[in-house]
Structure formats: C-alpha cells, structure tokens
C-alpha cells in the first residue's frame, strides 16, 4: 500500500489523528490538550510518531503536499485538517474543538 493510501485511510477511519514527533514540545502540548477532553475516548485518537515509523519522512512529505503544512503536529479531526498546535489551542479555547468532537460522534 502506498504512503498516500495508508495516510488517507488512517485520516478517514479515525476521529482524531495527530501526526507528531516524539521530541516535539508542541506535539506534546497538543496530545495533552486532546487527552484532557472527557468527551474524547483515548481509542478515538491515533498518534503517529513520524520519527519512530519507517516511512515517517514520506508521510510528512505527503502531508505537506496535502495540507501545505510541513510542521508537526499536523492534526485531523473527522477527516478534516485542523492544522497545528496553535490551531488546536485556538479551537479548544473557543469551544470549536468540542463542537467538532461531538459532531463527529
């Protein structure tokens, strides 16, 4: 299966996908924020640590083409690109994230 197909299948089949790097403080903050949502079961969040998977560089390159965002975290909610950590924190503060999560339920 191609990197594109594998990545698209994951984005479409999972409520929240965080493409991350294990050493990144912004990724850590995003994962903490998502973990703090009581209405978001842990099983609905998939984290892909791009520095720990064999095709991480290829996935990151594909995501850059798809979203225009090369940085991590690169977050998708219900198949829709949310953005990075700043976007997640803004959506969380405004209540938009909660709406997206409950709409996706």
PDB file of N, CA and C in Angstrom:
ATOM      1  N   UNK A   1       0.850  -1.178   0.000  1.00  0.00           N
ATOM      2  CA  UNK A   1       0.000   0.000   0.000  1.00  0.00           C
ATOM      3  C   UNK A   1       0.896   1.241   0.000  1.00  0.00           C
ATOM      4  N   UNK A   2       0.515   2.233  -0.772  1.00  0.00           N
ATOM      5  CA  UNK A   2       1.307   3.451  -0.869  1.00  0.00           C
ATOM      6  C   UNK A   2       1.181   4.288   0.408  1.00  0.00           C
ATOM      7  N   UNK A   3       2.153   5.158   0.611  1.00  0.00           N
ATOM      8  CA  UNK A   3       2.114   6.066   1.767  1.00  0.00           C
ATOM      9  C   UNK A   3       0.863   6.934   1.693  1.00  0.00           C
ATOM     10  N   UNK A   4       0.548   7.418   0.507  1.00  0.00           N
ATOM     11  CA  UNK A   4      -0.642   8.252   0.336  1.00  0.00           C
ATOM     12  C   UNK A   4      -1.896   7.487   0.759  1.00  0.00           C
ATOM     13  N   UNK A   5      -2.066   6.278   0.260  1.00  0.00           N
ATOM     14  CA  UNK A   5      -3.262   5.496   0.571  1.00  0.00           C
ATOM     15  C   UNK A   5      -3.333   5.160   2.060  1.00  0.00           C
ATOM     16  N   UNK A   6      -2.207   4.749   2.623  1.00  0.00           N
ATOM     17  CA  UNK A   6      -2.152   4.407   4.046  1.00  0.00           C
ATOM     18  C   UNK A   6      -2.521   5.620   4.906  1.00  0.00           C
ATOM     19  N   UNK A   7      -1.977   6.782   4.555  1.00  0.00           N
ATOM     20  CA  UNK A   7      -2.244   8.005   5.310  1.00  0.00           C
ATOM     21  C   UNK A   7      -3.708   8.421   5.166  1.00  0.00           C
ATOM     22  N   UNK A   8      -4.226   8.390   3.960  1.00  0.00           N
ATOM     23  CA  UNK A   8      -5.629   8.762   3.724  1.00  0.00           C
ATOM     24  C   UNK A   8      -6.584   7.812   4.451  1.00  0.00           C
ATOM     25  N   UNK A   9      -6.295   6.519   4.424  1.00  0.00           N
ATOM     26  CA  UNK A   9      -7.138   5.546   5.127  1.00  0.00           C
ATOM     27  C   UNK A   9      -7.168   5.846   6.623  1.00  0.00           C
ATOM     28  N   UNK A  10      -6.039   6.175   7.188  1.00  0.00           N
ATOM     29  CA  UNK A  10      -5.953   6.495   8.611  1.00  0.00           C
ATOM     30  C   UNK A  10      -6.742   7.753   8.929  1.00  0.00           C
ATOM     31  N   UNK A  11      -6.596   8.784   8.113  1.00  0.00           N
ATOM     32  CA  UNK A  11      -7.311  10.046   8.333  1.00  0.00           C
ATOM     33  C   UNK A  11      -8.824   9.818   8.263  1.00  0.00           C
ATOM     34  N   UNK A  12      -9.272   9.013   7.321  1.00  0.00           N
ATOM     35  CA  UNK A  12     -10.703   8.791   7.124  1.00  0.00           C
ATOM     36  C   UNK A  12     -11.311   7.859   8.169  1.00  0.00           C
ATOM     37  N   UNK A  13     -10.513   6.958   8.733  1.00  0.00           N
ATOM     38  CA  UNK A  13     -11.079   5.931   9.614  1.00  0.00           C
ATOM     39  C   UNK A  13     -10.946   6.248  11.105  1.00  0.00           C
ATOM     40  N   UNK A  14     -10.316   7.361  11.442  1.00  0.00           N
ATOM     41  CA  UNK A  14     -10.064   7.682  12.843  1.00  0.00           C
ATOM     42  C   UNK A  14     -10.624   9.059  13.149  1.00  0.00           C
ATOM     43  N   UNK A  15     -11.253   9.210  14.322  1.00  0.00           N
ATOM     44  CA  UNK A  15     -11.851  10.501  14.678  1.00  0.00           C
ATOM     45  C   UNK A  15     -10.796  11.596  14.742  1.00  0.00           C
ATOM     46  N   UNK A  16      -9.701  11.345  15.442  1.00  0.00           N
ATOM     47  CA  UNK A  16      -8.630  12.339  15.560  1.00  0.00           C
ATOM     48  C   UNK A  16      -7.303  11.660  15.249  1.00  0.00           C
ATOM     49  N   UNK A  17      -6.544  12.257  14.334  1.00  0.00           N
ATOM     50  CA  UNK A  17      -5.205  11.764  14.013  1.00  0.00           C
ATOM     51  C   UNK A  17      -4.222  12.912  14.240  1.00  0.00           C
ATOM     52  N   UNK A  18      -3.183  12.610  15.000  1.00  0.00           N
ATOM     53  CA  UNK A  18      -2.118  13.575  15.250  1.00  0.00           C
ATOM     54  C   UNK A  18      -0.830  12.999  14.663  1.00  0.00           C
ATOM     55  N   UNK A  19      -0.315  13.665  13.643  1.00  0.00           N
ATOM     56  CA  UNK A  19       0.989  13.303  13.110  1.00  0.00           C
ATOM     57  C   UNK A  19       1.994  14.136  13.897  1.00  0.00           C
ATOM     58  N   UNK A  20       2.884  13.457  14.598  1.00  0.00           N
ATOM     59  CA  UNK A  20       3.687  14.056  15.644  1.00  0.00           C
ATOM     60  C   UNK A  20       5.144  13.625  15.522  1.00  0.00           C
ATOM     61  N   UNK A  21       5.990  14.214  16.334  1.00  0.00           N
ATOM     62  CA  UNK A  21       7.354  13.707  16.552  1.00  0.00           C
ATOM     63  C   UNK A  21       7.545  13.634  18.059  1.00  0.00           C
ATOM     64  N   UNK A  22       8.117  12.552  18.508  1.00  0.00           N
ATOM     65  CA  UNK A  22       8.170  12.258  19.947  1.00  0.00           C
ATOM     66  C   UNK A  22       8.898  13.318  20.754  1.00  0.00           C
ATOM     67  N   UNK A  23       9.840  14.031  20.164  1.00  0.00           N
ATOM     68  CA  UNK A  23      10.647  15.014  20.874  1.00  0.00           C
ATOM     69  C   UNK A  23      10.070  16.431  20.834  1.00  0.00           C
ATOM     70  N   UNK A  24       9.000  16.635  20.101  1.00  0.00           N
ATOM     71  CA  UNK A  24       8.465  17.978  19.832  1.00  0.00           C
ATOM     72  C   UNK A  24       7.591  18.489  20.978  1.00  0.00           C
ATOM     73  N   UNK A  25       7.943  19.639  21.580  1.00  0.00           N
ATOM     74  CA  UNK A  25       7.134  20.171  22.681  1.00  0.00           C
ATOM     75  C   UNK A  25       5.734  20.614  22.249  1.00  0.00           C
ATOM     76  N   UNK A  26       5.585  21.084  21.012  1.00  0.00           N
ATOM     77  CA  UNK A  26       4.267  21.495  20.523  1.00  0.00           C
ATOM     78  C   UNK A  26       3.369  20.281  20.327  1.00  0.00           C
ATOM     79  N   UNK A  27       3.964  19.189  19.878  1.00  0.00           N
ATOM     80  CA  UNK A  27       3.225  17.930  19.740  1.00  0.00           C
ATOM     81  C   UNK A  27       2.778  17.437  21.112  1.00  0.00           C
ATOM     82  N   UNK A  28       3.665  17.516  22.072  1.00  0.00           N
ATOM     83  CA  UNK A  28       3.352  17.085  23.436  1.00  0.00           C
ATOM     84  C   UNK A  28       2.176  17.902  23.984  1.00  0.00           C
ATOM     85  N   UNK A  29       2.198  19.212  23.744  1.00  0.00           N
ATOM     86  CA  UNK A  29       1.105  20.067  24.211  1.00  0.00           C
ATOM     87  C   UNK A  29      -0.214  19.690  23.523  1.00  0.00           C
ATOM     88  N   UNK A  30      -0.160  19.431  22.242  1.00  0.00           N
ATOM     89  CA  UNK A  30      -1.371  19.043  21.507  1.00  0.00           C
ATOM     90  C   UNK A  30      -1.934  17.730  22.043  1.00  0.00           C
ATOM     91  N   UNK A  31      -1.062  16.755  22.275  1.00  0.00           N
ATOM     92  CA  UNK A  31      -1.517  15.455  22.792  1.00  0.00           C
ATOM     93  C   UNK A  31      -2.104  15.608  24.197  1.00  0.00           C
ATOM     94  N   UNK A  32      -1.522  16.476  25.008  1.00  0.00           N
ATOM     95  CA  UNK A  32      -2.050  16.733  26.351  1.00  0.00           C
ATOM     96  C   UNK A  32      -3.427  17.380  26.269  1.00  0.00           C
ATOM     97  N   UNK A  33      -3.574  18.340  25.390  1.00  0.00           N
ATOM     98  CA  UNK A  33      -4.866  19.007  25.212  1.00  0.00           C
ATOM     99  C   UNK A  33      -5.935  18.009  24.785  1.00  0.00           C
ATOM    100  N   UNK A  34      -5.631  17.184  23.815  1.00  0.00           N
ATOM    101  CA  UNK A  34      -6.602  16.194  23.346  1.00  0.00           C
ATOM    102  C   UNK A  34      -6.905  15.170  24.437  1.00  0.00           C
ATOM    103  N   UNK A  35      -5.893  14.780  25.192  1.00  0.00           N
ATOM    104  CA  UNK A  35      -6.088  13.818  26.273  1.00  0.00           C
ATOM    105  C   UNK A  35      -6.951  14.358  27.401  1.00  0.00           C
ATOM    106  N   UNK A  36      -7.063  15.678  27.484  1.00  0.00           N
ATOM    107  CA  UNK A  36      -7.865  16.297  28.531  1.00  0.00           C
ATOM    108  C   UNK A  36      -9.340  16.412  28.203  1.00  0.00           C
ATOM    109  N   UNK A  37      -9.746  15.963  27.036  1.00  0.00           N
ATOM    110  CA  UNK A  37     -11.167  16.046  26.652  1.00  0.00           C
ATOM    111  C   UNK A  37     -11.910  14.809  27.131  1.00  0.00           C
ATOM    112  N   UNK A  38     -12.804  15.011  28.076  1.00  0.00           N
ATOM    113  CA  UNK A  38     -13.561  13.877  28.628  1.00  0.00           C
ATOM    114  C   UNK A  38     -14.499  13.264  27.587  1.00  0.00           C
ATOM    115  N   UNK A  39     -14.892  14.049  26.592  1.00  0.00           N
ATOM    116  CA  UNK A  39     -15.790  13.544  25.557  1.00  0.00           C
ATOM    117  C   UNK A  39     -15.038  12.901  24.395  1.00  0.00           C
ATOM    118  N   UNK A  40     -13.736  12.712  24.565  1.00  0.00           N
ATOM    119  CA  UNK A  40     -12.925  12.094  23.524  1.00  0.00           C
ATOM    120  C   UNK A  40     -12.208  10.875  24.091  1.00  0.00           C
ATOM    121  N   UNK A  41     -12.782   9.689  23.878  1.00  0.00           N
ATOM    122  CA  UNK A  41     -12.127   8.476  24.374  1.00  0.00           C
ATOM    123  C   UNK A  41     -10.742   8.313  23.749  1.00  0.00           C
ATOM    124  N   UNK A  42      -9.824   7.785  24.521  1.00  0.00           N
ATOM    125  CA  UNK A  42      -8.455   7.566  24.044  1.00  0.00           C
ATOM    126  C   UNK A  42      -8.444   6.733  22.768  1.00  0.00           C
ATOM    127  N   UNK A  43      -9.402   5.823  22.641  1.00  0.00           N
ATOM    128  CA  UNK A  43      -9.461   4.957  21.461  1.00  0.00           C
ATOM    129  C   UNK A  43      -9.818   5.722  20.189  1.00  0.00           C
ATOM    130  N   UNK A  44     -10.316   6.963  20.322  1.00  0.00           N
ATOM    131  CA  UNK A  44     -10.667   7.773  19.155  1.00  0.00           C
ATOM    132  C   UNK A  44      -9.514   8.637  18.664  1.00  0.00           C
ATOM    133  N   UNK A  45      -8.366   8.559  19.331  1.00  0.00           N
ATOM    134  CA  UNK A  45      -7.204   9.359  18.958  1.00  0.00           C
ATOM    135  C   UNK A  45      -6.078   8.426  18.517  1.00  0.00           C
ATOM    136  N   UNK A  46      -5.557   8.671  17.333  1.00  0.00           N
ATOM    137  CA  UNK A  46      -4.394   7.939  16.851  1.00  0.00           C
ATOM    138  C   UNK A  46      -3.248   8.929  16.717  1.00  0.00           C
ATOM    139  N   UNK A  47      -2.120   8.581  17.297  1.00  0.00           N
ATOM    140  CA  UNK A  47      -0.917   9.400  17.201  1.00  0.00           C
ATOM    141  C   UNK A  47       0.106   8.627  16.379  1.00  0.00           C
ATOM    142  N   UNK A  48       0.613   9.271  15.356  1.00  0.00           N
ATOM    143  CA  UNK A  48       1.657   8.680  14.533  1.00  0.00           C
ATOM    144  C   UNK A  48       2.932   9.479  14.798  1.00  0.00           C
ATOM    145  N   UNK A  49       3.876   8.852  15.458  1.00  0.00           N
ATOM    146  CA  UNK A  49       5.158   9.490  15.750  1.00  0.00           C
ATOM    147  C   UNK A  49       6.047   9.327  14.515  1.00  0.00           C
ATOM    148  N   UNK A  50       6.127  10.369  13.727  1.00  0.00           N
ATOM    149  CA  UNK A  50       6.816  10.293  12.434  1.00  0.00           C
ATOM    150  C   UNK A  50       8.303   9.969  12.561  1.00  0.00           C
ATOM    151  N   UNK A  51       8.891  10.271  13.706  1.00  0.00           N
ATOM    152  CA  UNK A  51      10.307   9.950  13.905  1.00  0.00           C
ATOM    153  C   UNK A  51      10.515   8.519  14.383  1.00  0.00           C
ATOM    154  N   UNK A  52       9.417   7.782  14.554  1.00  0.00           N
ATOM    155  CA  UNK A  52       9.526   6.411  15.053  1.00  0.00           C
ATOM    156  C   UNK A  52       8.929   5.376  14.109  1.00  0.00           C
ATOM    157  N   UNK A  53       8.423   5.813  12.963  1.00  0.00           N
ATOM    158  CA  UNK A  53       7.894   4.867  11.977  1.00  0.00           C
ATOM    159  C   UNK A  53       8.780   4.896  10.743  1.00  0.00           C
ATOM    160  N   UNK A  54       8.844   3.756  10.088  1.00  0.00           N
ATOM    161  CA  UNK A  54       9.763   3.574   8.960  1.00  0.00           C
ATOM    162  C   UNK A  54       9.546   4.594   7.843  1.00  0.00           C
ATOM    163  N   UNK A  55       8.301   4.892   7.522  1.00  0.00           N
ATOM    164  CA  UNK A  55       8.006   5.790   6.409  1.00  0.00           C
ATOM    165  C   UNK A  55       7.595   7.186   6.879  1.00  0.00           C
ATOM    166  N   UNK A  56       8.068   7.587   8.049  1.00  0.00           N
ATOM    167  CA  UNK A  56       7.697   8.880   8.626  1.00  0.00           C
ATOM    168  C   UNK A  56       8.022  10.065   7.739  1.00  0.00           C
ATOM    169  N   UNK A  57       9.211  10.055   7.129  1.00  0.00           N
ATOM    170  CA  UNK A  57       9.586  11.174   6.249  1.00  0.00           C
ATOM    171  C   UNK A  57       8.665  11.246   5.040  1.00  0.00           C
ATOM    172  N   UNK A  58       8.314  10.107   4.493  1.00  0.00           N
ATOM    173  CA  UNK A  58       7.418  10.067   3.327  1.00  0.00           C
ATOM    174  C   UNK A  58       6.016  10.526   3.709  1.00  0.00           C
ATOM    175  N   UNK A  59       5.541  10.140   4.889  1.00  0.00           N
ATOM    176  CA  UNK A  59       4.229  10.588   5.360  1.00  0.00           C
ATOM    177  C   UNK A  59       4.244  12.106   5.536  1.00  0.00           C
ATOM    178  N   UNK A  60       5.291  12.633   6.156  1.00  0.00           N
ATOM    179  CA  UNK A  60       5.375  14.070   6.378  1.00  0.00           C
ATOM    180  C   UNK A  60       5.421  14.820   5.042  1.00  0.00           C
ATOM    181  N   UNK A  61       6.138  14.287   4.068  1.00  0.00           N
ATOM    182  CA  UNK A  61       6.194  14.910   2.740  1.00  0.00           C
ATOM    183  C   UNK A  61       4.811  14.887   2.081  1.00  0.00           C
ATOM    184  N   UNK A  62       4.101  13.766   2.199  1.00  0.00           N
ATOM    185  CA  UNK A  62       2.751  13.688   1.632  1.00  0.00           C
ATOM    186  C   UNK A  62       1.822  14.697   2.305  1.00  0.00           C
ATOM    187  N   UNK A  63       1.900  14.790   3.643  1.00  0.00           N
ATOM    188  CA  UNK A  63       1.049  15.740   4.367  1.00  0.00           C
ATOM    189  C   UNK A  63       1.355  17.181   3.972  1.00  0.00           C
ATOM    190  N   UNK A  64       2.620  17.483   3.708  1.00  0.00           N
ATOM    191  CA  UNK A  64       2.993  18.833   3.258  1.00  0.00           C
ATOM    192  C   UNK A  64       2.322  19.141   1.915  1.00  0.00           C
ATOM    193  N   UNK A  65       2.305  18.156   1.012  1.00  0.00           N
ATOM    194  CA  UNK A  65       1.632  18.335  -0.276  1.00  0.00           C
ATOM    195  C   UNK A  65       0.128  18.489  -0.087  1.00  0.00           C
ATOM    196  N   UNK A  66      -0.450  17.683   0.787  1.00  0.00           N
ATOM    197  CA  UNK A  66      -1.895  17.663   1.005  1.00  0.00           C
ATOM    198  C   UNK A  66      -2.402  18.922   1.687  1.00  0.00           C
ATOM    199  N   UNK A  67      -1.664  19.390   2.712  1.00  0.00           N
ATOM    200  CA  UNK A  67      -2.174  20.468   3.563  1.00  0.00           C
ATOM    201  C   UNK A  67      -1.423  21.783   3.429  1.00  0.00           C
ATOM    202  N   UNK A  68      -0.239  21.749   2.834  1.00  0.00           N
ATOM    203  CA  UNK A  68       0.596  22.937   2.788  1.00  0.00           C
ATOM    204  C   UNK A  68       1.347  23.166   4.095  1.00  0.00           C
ATOM    205  N   UNK A  69       1.193  22.257   5.028  1.00  0.00           N
ATOM    206  CA  UNK A  69       1.841  22.367   6.336  1.00  0.00           C
ATOM    207  C   UNK A  69       2.916  21.298   6.449  1.00  0.00           C
ATOM    208  N   UNK A  70       4.148  21.729   6.641  1.00  0.00           N
ATOM    209  CA  UNK A  70       5.263  20.784   6.756  1.00  0.00           C
ATOM    210  C   UNK A  70       5.568  20.466   8.218  1.00  0.00           C
ATOM    211  N   UNK A  71       5.125  21.325   9.127  1.00  0.00           N
ATOM    212  CA  UNK A  71       5.466  21.176  10.537  1.00  0.00           C
ATOM    213  C   UNK A  71       4.548  20.193  11.257  1.00  0.00           C
ATOM    214  N   UNK A  72       5.002  19.777  12.432  1.00  0.00           N
ATOM    215  CA  UNK A  72       4.199  18.935  13.314  1.00  0.00           C
ATOM    216  C   UNK A  72       3.921  19.713  14.590  1.00  0.00           C
ATOM    217  N   UNK A  73       2.834  19.401  15.266  1.00  0.00           N
ATOM    218  CA  UNK A  73       1.860  18.377  14.913  1.00  0.00           C
ATOM    219  C   UNK A  73       1.008  18.804  13.720  1.00  0.00           C
ATOM    220  N   UNK A  74       0.529  17.825  13.024  1.00  0.00           N
ATOM    221  CA  UNK A  74      -0.380  18.019  11.908  1.00  0.00           C
ATOM    222  C   UNK A  74      -1.624  17.217  12.280  1.00  0.00           C
ATOM    223  N   UNK A  75      -2.720  17.912  12.547  1.00  0.00           N
ATOM    224  CA  UNK A  75      -3.886  17.307  13.206  1.00  0.00           C
ATOM    225  C   UNK A  75      -5.099  17.293  12.282  1.00  0.00           C
ATOM    226  N   UNK A  76      -5.779  16.147  12.289  1.00  0.00           N
ATOM    227  CA  UNK A  76      -7.019  15.971  11.535  1.00  0.00           C
ATOM    228  C   UNK A  76      -8.121  15.549  12.500  1.00  0.00           C
ATOM    229  N   UNK A  77      -9.302  16.148  12.344  1.00  0.00           N
ATOM    230  CA  UNK A  77     -10.473  15.774  13.144  1.00  0.00           C
ATOM    231  C   UNK A  77     -11.582  15.393  12.171  1.00  0.00           C
ATOM    232  N   UNK A  78     -12.063  14.182  12.297  1.00  0.00           N
ATOM    233  CA  UNK A  78     -13.135  13.659  11.434  1.00  0.00           C
ATOM    234  C   UNK A  78     -12.813  13.842   9.951  1.00  0.00           C
ATOM    235  N   UNK A  79     -11.571  13.574   9.588  1.00  0.00           N
ATOM    236  CA  UNK A  79     -11.165  13.637   8.197  1.00  0.00           C
ATOM    237  C   UNK A  79     -10.833  15.027   7.689  1.00  0.00           C
ATOM    238  N   UNK A  80     -11.016  16.036   8.523  1.00  0.00           N
ATOM    239  CA  UNK A  80     -10.766  17.421   8.128  1.00  0.00           C
ATOM    240  C   UNK A  80      -9.488  17.924   8.780  1.00  0.00           C
ATOM    241  N   UNK A  81      -8.666  18.603   8.009  1.00  0.00           N
ATOM    242  CA  UNK A  81      -7.415  19.139   8.533  1.00  0.00           C
ATOM    243  C   UNK A  81      -7.712  20.295   9.492  1.00  0.00           C
ATOM    244  N   UNK A  82      -7.287  20.146  10.739  1.00  0.00           N
ATOM    245  CA  UNK A  82      -7.446  21.214  11.728  1.00  0.00           C
ATOM    246  C   UNK A  82      -6.257  22.158  11.687  1.00  0.00           C
ATOM    247  N   UNK A  83      -5.052  21.605  11.531  1.00  0.00           N
ATOM    248  CA  UNK A  83      -3.847  22.423  11.491  1.00  0.00           C
ATOM    249  C   UNK A  83      -2.833  21.919  12.491  1.00  0.00           C
ATOM    250  N   UNK A  84      -2.106  22.861  13.093  1.00  0.00           N
ATOM    251  CA  UNK A  84      -1.079  22.524  14.058  1.00  0.00           C
ATOM    252  C   UNK A  84      -1.516  22.805  15.481  1.00  0.00           C
ATOM    253  N   UNK A  85      -0.545  22.874  16.373  1.00  0.00           N
ATOM    254  CA  UNK A  85      -0.846  23.075  17.783  1.00  0.00           C
ATOM    255  C   UNK A  85      -1.533  24.415  18.043  1.00  0.00           C
ATOM    256  N   UNK A  86      -1.068  25.504  17.421  1.00  0.00           N
ATOM    257  CA  UNK A  86      -1.716  26.806  17.628  1.00  0.00           C
ATOM    258  C   UNK A  86      -3.184  26.744  17.225  1.00  0.00           C
ATOM    259  N   UNK A  87      -3.466  26.091  16.096  1.00  0.00           N
ATOM    260  CA  UNK A  87      -4.851  25.955  15.628  1.00  0.00           C
ATOM    261  C   UNK A  87      -5.677  25.133  16.621  1.00  0.00           C
ATOM    262  N   UNK A  88      -5.073  24.066  17.137  1.00  0.00           N
ATOM    263  CA  UNK A  88      -5.757  23.223  18.122  1.00  0.00           C
ATOM    264  C   UNK A  88      -6.061  24.019  19.386  1.00  0.00           C
ATOM    265  N   UNK A  89      -5.095  24.763  19.879  1.00  0.00           N
ATOM    266  CA  UNK A  89      -5.291  25.530  21.111  1.00  0.00           C
ATOM    267  C   UNK A  89      -6.369  26.604  20.924  1.00  0.00           C
ATOM    268  N   UNK A  90      -6.389  27.260  19.769  1.00  0.00           N
ATOM    269  CA  UNK A  90      -7.431  28.260  19.479  1.00  0.00           C
ATOM    270  C   UNK A  90      -8.796  27.603  19.424  1.00  0.00           C
ATOM    271  N   UNK A  91      -8.883  26.471  18.733  1.00  0.00           N
ATOM    272  CA  UNK A  91     -10.162  25.754  18.634  1.00  0.00           C
ATOM    273  C   UNK A  91     -10.613  25.262  20.000  1.00  0.00           C
ATOM    274  N   UNK A  92      -9.683  24.841  20.827  1.00  0.00           N
ATOM    275  CA  UNK A  92     -10.014  24.378  22.170  1.00  0.00           C
ATOM    276  C   UNK A  92     -10.530  25.534  23.019  1.00  0.00           C
ATOM    277  N   UNK A  93      -9.850  26.674  22.981  1.00  0.00           N
ATOM    278  CA  UNK A  93     -10.236  27.838  23.787  1.00  0.00           C
ATOM    279  C   UNK A  93     -11.581  28.408  23.372  1.00  0.00           C
ATOM    280  N   UNK A  94     -11.865  28.393  22.086  1.00  0.00           N
ATOM    281  CA  UNK A  94     -13.111  28.984  21.582  1.00  0.00           C
ATOM    282  C   UNK A  94     -14.315  28.049  21.711  1.00  0.00           C
ATOM    283  N   UNK A  95     -14.060  26.782  22.008  1.00  0.00           N
ATOM    284  CA  UNK A  95     -15.147  25.809  22.072  1.00  0.00           C
ATOM    285  C   UNK A  95     -15.392  25.107  20.739  1.00  0.00           C
ATOM    286  N   UNK A  96     -14.715  25.542  19.694  1.00  0.00           N
ATOM    287  CA  UNK A  96     -14.907  24.942  18.366  1.00  0.00           C
ATOM    288  C   UNK A  96     -14.458  23.482  18.342  1.00  0.00           C
ATOM    289  N   UNK A  97     -13.409  23.169  19.083  1.00  0.00           N
ATOM    290  CA  UNK A  97     -12.920  21.784  19.109  1.00  0.00           C
ATOM    291  C   UNK A  97     -13.969  20.861  19.710  1.00  0.00           C
ATOM    292  N   UNK A  98     -14.557  21.272  20.811  1.00  0.00           N
ATOM    293  CA  UNK A  98     -15.598  20.458  21.459  1.00  0.00           C
ATOM    294  C   UNK A  98     -16.754  20.213  20.486  1.00  0.00           C
ATOM    295  N   UNK A  99     -17.137  21.251  19.740  1.00  0.00           N
ATOM    296  CA  UNK A  99     -18.217  21.103  18.749  1.00  0.00           C
ATOM    297  C   UNK A  99     -17.820  20.101  17.663  1.00  0.00           C
ATOM    298  N   UNK A 100     -16.574  20.191  17.200  1.00  0.00           N
ATOM    299  CA  UNK A 100     -16.110  19.261  16.168  1.00  0.00           C
ATOM    300  C   UNK A 100     -16.094  17.822  16.696  1.00  0.00           C
ATOM    301  N   UNK A 101     -15.657  17.664  17.932  1.00  0.00           N
ATOM    302  CA  UNK A 101     -15.576  16.318  18.501  1.00  0.00           C
ATOM    303  C   UNK A 101     -16.954  15.723  18.725  1.00  0.00           C
ATOM    304  N   UNK A 102     -17.893  16.519  19.194  1.00  0.00           N
ATOM    305  CA  UNK A 102     -19.231  15.980  19.456  1.00  0.00           C
ATOM    306  C   UNK A 102     -20.003  15.786  18.145  1.00  0.00           C
ATOM    307  N   UNK A 103     -19.753  16.630  17.160  1.00  0.00           N
ATOM    308  CA  UNK A 103     -20.403  16.463  15.857  1.00  0.00           C
ATOM    309  C   UNK A 103     -19.906  15.189  15.186  1.00  0.00           C
ATOM    310  N   UNK A 104     -18.679  14.827  15.481  1.00  0.00           N
ATOM    311  CA  UNK A 104     -18.088  13.645  14.852  1.00  0.00           C
ATOM    312  C   UNK A 104     -18.508  12.363  15.553  1.00  0.00           C
ATOM    313  N   UNK A 105     -19.147  12.480  16.688  1.00  0.00           N
ATOM    314  CA  UNK A 105     -19.507  11.286  17.496  1.00  0.00           C
ATOM    315  C   UNK A 105     -20.542  10.445  16.799  1.00  0.00           C
TER     316      UNK A 105
END
